[in-house]
Amino acid sequence: MEEQLVFLDQTVHALRHHFVKGYLDTKSLSVVVSQKRNHCGFDIEAAIIGASHYISIETPAGLISEVVACIDIDDSTHSRCVTQPLHKLGHGSISPEKSGLVYTTCTPIVQEIEKSQEYIAWHTSMAQLNTKEVMGLLYEFPQGELNYPPRTAVVLEFTGDTCKVSTMHEYPNEGMVAFTKSKFQTLNFTQ
């Protein structure tokens, strides 16, 4: 289900990281593109939304999700939602009870587009999306008066018991780009 969007002048500094345990109301997130895959018995959905992205994994204990967006998630509709500004996110892990997973985040990187070597590497690797081991999403948002459109990319890499998530969020109106990395790792993995 793809939604048509109009240009919104958002800022990289408005990005927030949300960890949601339980129901995630995706109807309010303006999904523009999504994909689903099963890995190690877990159903995984990745989506680019009007304000950035979400990753949801169905576990034996219920749904857990990562949402990085320029919006707040209404935690009154969720079992548990932990929210913090993206720039305050550090390296850490959490293992929701009975989920069978460990969720780990890395400190995000926010850089000027012109000076970012990681930005160049992202664009050269985008051709390798959607193989057996990789699931990728790329979306160009309306550019309004900008010289080029803002883009969001989400890449999930599947190896053994791990799903690594890497994202890129461009803000050409500010000349900035944000990168996030996280991973979901199964416990008691057998192949």
Protein backbone atom coordinates (compact mmCIF):
# COMPACT_ATOMS: atom_id res chain seq x y z
CA MET A 1 0.00 0.00 0.00
CA GLU A 2 1.83 3.09 -1.21
CA GLU A 3 0.78 6.52 -0.04
CA GLN A 4 1.36 9.74 -1.99
CA LEU A 5 3.25 12.33 0.02
CA VAL A 6 3.86 16.03 -0.33
CA PHE A 7 7.13 17.78 0.53
CA LEU A 8 7.64 18.40 4.26
CA ASP A 9 10.55 20.54 5.43
CA GLN A 10 11.80 18.26 8.23
CA THR A 11 15.02 18.46 10.20
CA VAL A 12 17.51 15.74 11.12
CA HIS A 13 17.38 17.05 14.69
CA ALA A 14 13.71 16.03 14.98
CA LEU A 15 14.50 12.30 14.52
CA ARG A 16 13.48 10.13 17.47
CA HIS A 17 14.22 6.48 18.19
CA HIS A 18 11.26 4.45 19.50
CA PHE A 19 11.43 0.88 20.79
CA VAL A 20 7.91 -0.54 20.95
CA LYS A 21 6.93 -3.80 22.61
CA GLY A 22 3.40 -4.75 21.63
CA TYR A 23 0.97 -3.40 19.08
CA LEU A 24 2.27 -0.78 16.62
CA ASP A 25 -0.40 1.26 14.84
CA THR A 26 1.14 1.46 11.35
CA LYS A 27 -1.99 3.04 9.87
CA SER A 28 -0.94 6.39 11.35
CA LEU A 29 2.64 6.17 10.01
CA SER A 30 2.08 6.95 6.27
CA VAL A 31 3.73 3.80 4.87
CA VAL A 32 5.18 4.52 1.40
CA VAL A 33 6.93 1.19 0.74
CA SER A 34 7.31 -2.05 2.73
CA GLN A 35 8.56 -5.63 2.49
CA LYS A 36 8.13 -8.74 4.60
CA ARG A 37 10.36 -11.76 5.13
CA ASN A 38 10.63 -14.72 7.48
CA HIS A 39 14.05 -15.33 9.06
CA CYS A 40 14.79 -18.00 11.66
CA GLY A 41 11.04 -18.45 12.21
CA PHE A 42 10.39 -14.75 12.90
CA ASP A 43 8.14 -12.68 10.62
CA ILE A 44 9.92 -9.39 9.86
CA GLU A 45 8.42 -6.30 8.22
CA ALA A 46 10.47 -3.29 7.12
CA ALA A 47 8.87 -0.07 5.92
CA ILE A 48 9.76 3.44 4.91
CA ILE A 49 7.22 5.86 6.30
CA GLY A 50 6.49 9.52 5.68
CA ALA A 51 8.74 10.46 8.58
CA SER A 52 11.50 7.79 8.17
CA HIS A 53 11.22 3.99 8.92
CA TYR A 54 10.07 1.11 11.10
CA ILE A 55 11.12 -2.52 11.52
CA SER A 56 8.68 -4.93 13.22
CA ILE A 57 9.35 -8.52 14.26
CA GLU A 58 6.68 -10.96 15.40
CA THR A 59 8.12 -12.99 18.29
CA PRO A 60 6.64 -15.73 20.52
CA ALA A 61 5.99 -12.98 23.09
CA GLY A 62 4.36 -10.63 20.58
CA LEU A 63 5.42 -7.81 18.31
CA ILE A 64 8.54 -5.71 18.90
CA SER A 65 9.41 -2.74 16.70
CA GLU A 66 12.05 -0.13 16.05
CA VAL A 67 10.70 3.17 14.75
CA VAL A 68 12.99 6.04 13.77
CA ALA A 69 10.91 9.03 12.77
CA CYS A 70 10.40 12.77 12.99
CA ILE A 71 7.16 12.09 14.86
CA ASP A 72 6.22 10.91 18.31
CA ILE A 73 4.59 7.51 18.73
CA ASP A 74 1.47 7.56 20.88
CA ASP A 75 2.53 5.16 23.62
CA SER A 76 -0.98 5.01 25.09
CA THR A 77 -1.82 2.43 22.39
CA HIS A 78 1.27 0.29 22.99
CA SER A 79 2.23 -2.17 25.70
CA ARG A 80 5.57 -0.44 26.09
CA CYS A 81 7.24 2.35 24.15
CA VAL A 82 10.65 3.80 24.97
CA THR A 83 11.38 7.03 23.09
CA GLN A 84 14.43 9.25 22.95
CA PRO A 85 15.90 11.82 20.56
CA LEU A 86 18.10 10.05 18.00
CA HIS A 87 21.17 12.10 18.96
CA LYS A 88 20.93 10.73 22.53
CA LEU A 89 20.79 7.08 21.41
CA GLY A 90 23.88 5.13 22.36
CA HIS A 91 25.09 1.55 22.13
CA GLY A 92 22.91 -0.79 24.15
CA SER A 93 20.94 -4.04 24.19
CA ILE A 94 17.55 -5.19 25.38
CA SER A 95 15.99 -8.64 25.45
CA PRO A 96 12.23 -8.39 25.89
CA GLU A 97 10.98 -11.20 28.14
CA LYS A 98 10.01 -14.39 26.25
CA SER A 99 10.69 -12.74 22.86
CA GLY A 100 13.56 -15.04 21.92
CA LEU A 101 15.48 -11.99 20.65
CA VAL A 102 18.15 -9.55 21.71
CA TYR A 103 17.80 -6.06 20.19
CA THR A 104 20.99 -3.96 20.00
CA THR A 105 21.47 -0.36 18.91
CA CYS A 106 24.63 1.48 17.91
CA THR A 107 25.29 5.18 18.29
CA PRO A 108 23.86 6.95 15.22
CA ILE A 109 26.00 9.10 12.95
CA VAL A 110 24.84 12.50 11.73
CA GLN A 111 27.12 14.17 9.19
CA GLU A 112 27.24 16.81 6.52
CA ILE A 113 26.40 15.14 3.20
CA GLU A 114 29.36 16.78 1.43
CA LYS A 115 31.89 15.35 3.92
CA SER A 116 30.40 11.89 4.43
CA GLN A 117 32.36 8.91 3.11
CA GLU A 118 29.68 6.60 4.49
CA TYR A 119 27.13 8.46 2.33
CA ILE A 120 29.17 7.69 -0.81
CA ALA A 121 29.49 4.02 0.20
CA TRP A 122 25.71 3.78 0.67
CA HIS A 123 25.00 4.97 -2.83
CA THR A 124 27.50 2.59 -4.42
CA SER A 125 26.01 -0.40 -2.53
CA MET A 126 22.33 0.29 -3.31
CA ALA A 127 22.49 -1.91 -6.44
CA GLN A 128 22.99 -5.01 -4.25
CA LEU A 129 19.56 -4.87 -2.60
CA ASN A 130 17.04 -7.70 -2.38
CA THR A 131 19.00 -10.93 -2.52
CA LYS A 132 18.48 -14.00 -0.34
CA GLU A 133 20.70 -12.46 2.34
CA VAL A 134 19.67 -8.81 1.94
CA MET A 135 16.34 -6.97 1.90
CA GLY A 136 16.43 -3.31 0.97
CA LEU A 137 14.07 -0.41 0.60
CA LEU A 138 14.76 2.96 -0.99
CA TYR A 139 12.35 5.86 -1.33
CA GLU A 140 12.75 9.34 -2.81
CA PHE A 141 10.48 11.85 -1.13
CA PRO A 142 9.01 14.88 -2.93
CA GLN A 143 11.76 17.46 -3.29
CA GLY A 144 9.78 20.69 -3.23
CA GLU A 145 12.22 23.55 -3.91
CA LEU A 146 15.33 21.43 -3.17
CA ASN A 147 18.01 20.62 -5.78
CA TYR A 148 17.51 16.88 -5.24
CA PRO A 149 14.98 14.77 -3.36
CA PRO A 150 15.40 13.61 0.23
CA ARG A 151 15.87 9.82 0.35
CA THR A 152 15.51 7.15 2.97
CA ALA A 153 17.15 3.74 2.61
CA VAL A 154 16.65 0.71 4.86
CA VAL A 155 18.81 -2.40 4.48
CA LEU A 156 18.35 -5.64 6.42
CA GLU A 157 21.17 -8.21 6.22
CA PHE A 158 20.37 -11.78 7.26
CA THR A 159 23.19 -14.04 8.47
CA GLY A 160 22.72 -17.07 10.69
CA ASP A 161 20.78 -15.96 13.76
CA THR A 162 21.07 -12.21 13.10
CA CYS A 163 19.18 -9.52 11.22
CA LYS A 164 21.35 -6.38 10.94
CA VAL A 165 19.51 -3.15 10.17
CA SER A 166 21.26 -0.17 8.55
CA THR A 167 19.44 3.00 7.58
CA MET A 168 20.22 6.27 5.85
CA HIS A 169 18.05 9.39 6.08
CA GLU A 170 18.93 12.38 3.87
CA TYR A 171 18.03 15.97 4.73
CA PRO A 172 19.22 17.97 1.69
CA ASN A 173 17.43 21.07 3.00
CA GLU A 174 20.08 21.09 5.77
CA GLY A 175 22.87 19.32 3.86
CA MET A 176 22.78 16.57 6.51
CA VAL A 177 22.48 12.78 6.54
CA ALA A 178 21.75 10.43 9.45
CA PHE A 179 22.80 6.77 9.66
CA THR A 180 21.49 4.22 12.14
CA LYS A 181 22.54 0.64 12.84
CA SER A 182 20.81 -1.97 14.97
CA LYS A 183 20.38 -5.71 15.06
CA PHE A 184 17.94 -8.34 16.15
CA GLN A 185 19.56 -11.61 17.19
CA THR A 186 17.71 -14.81 18.03
CA LEU A 187 18.41 -16.65 21.27
CA ASN A 188 18.90 -20.45 21.28
CA PHE A 189 19.50 -20.47 17.51
CA THR A 190 19.68 -23.82 15.74
CA GLN A 191 20.00 -24.18 12.00
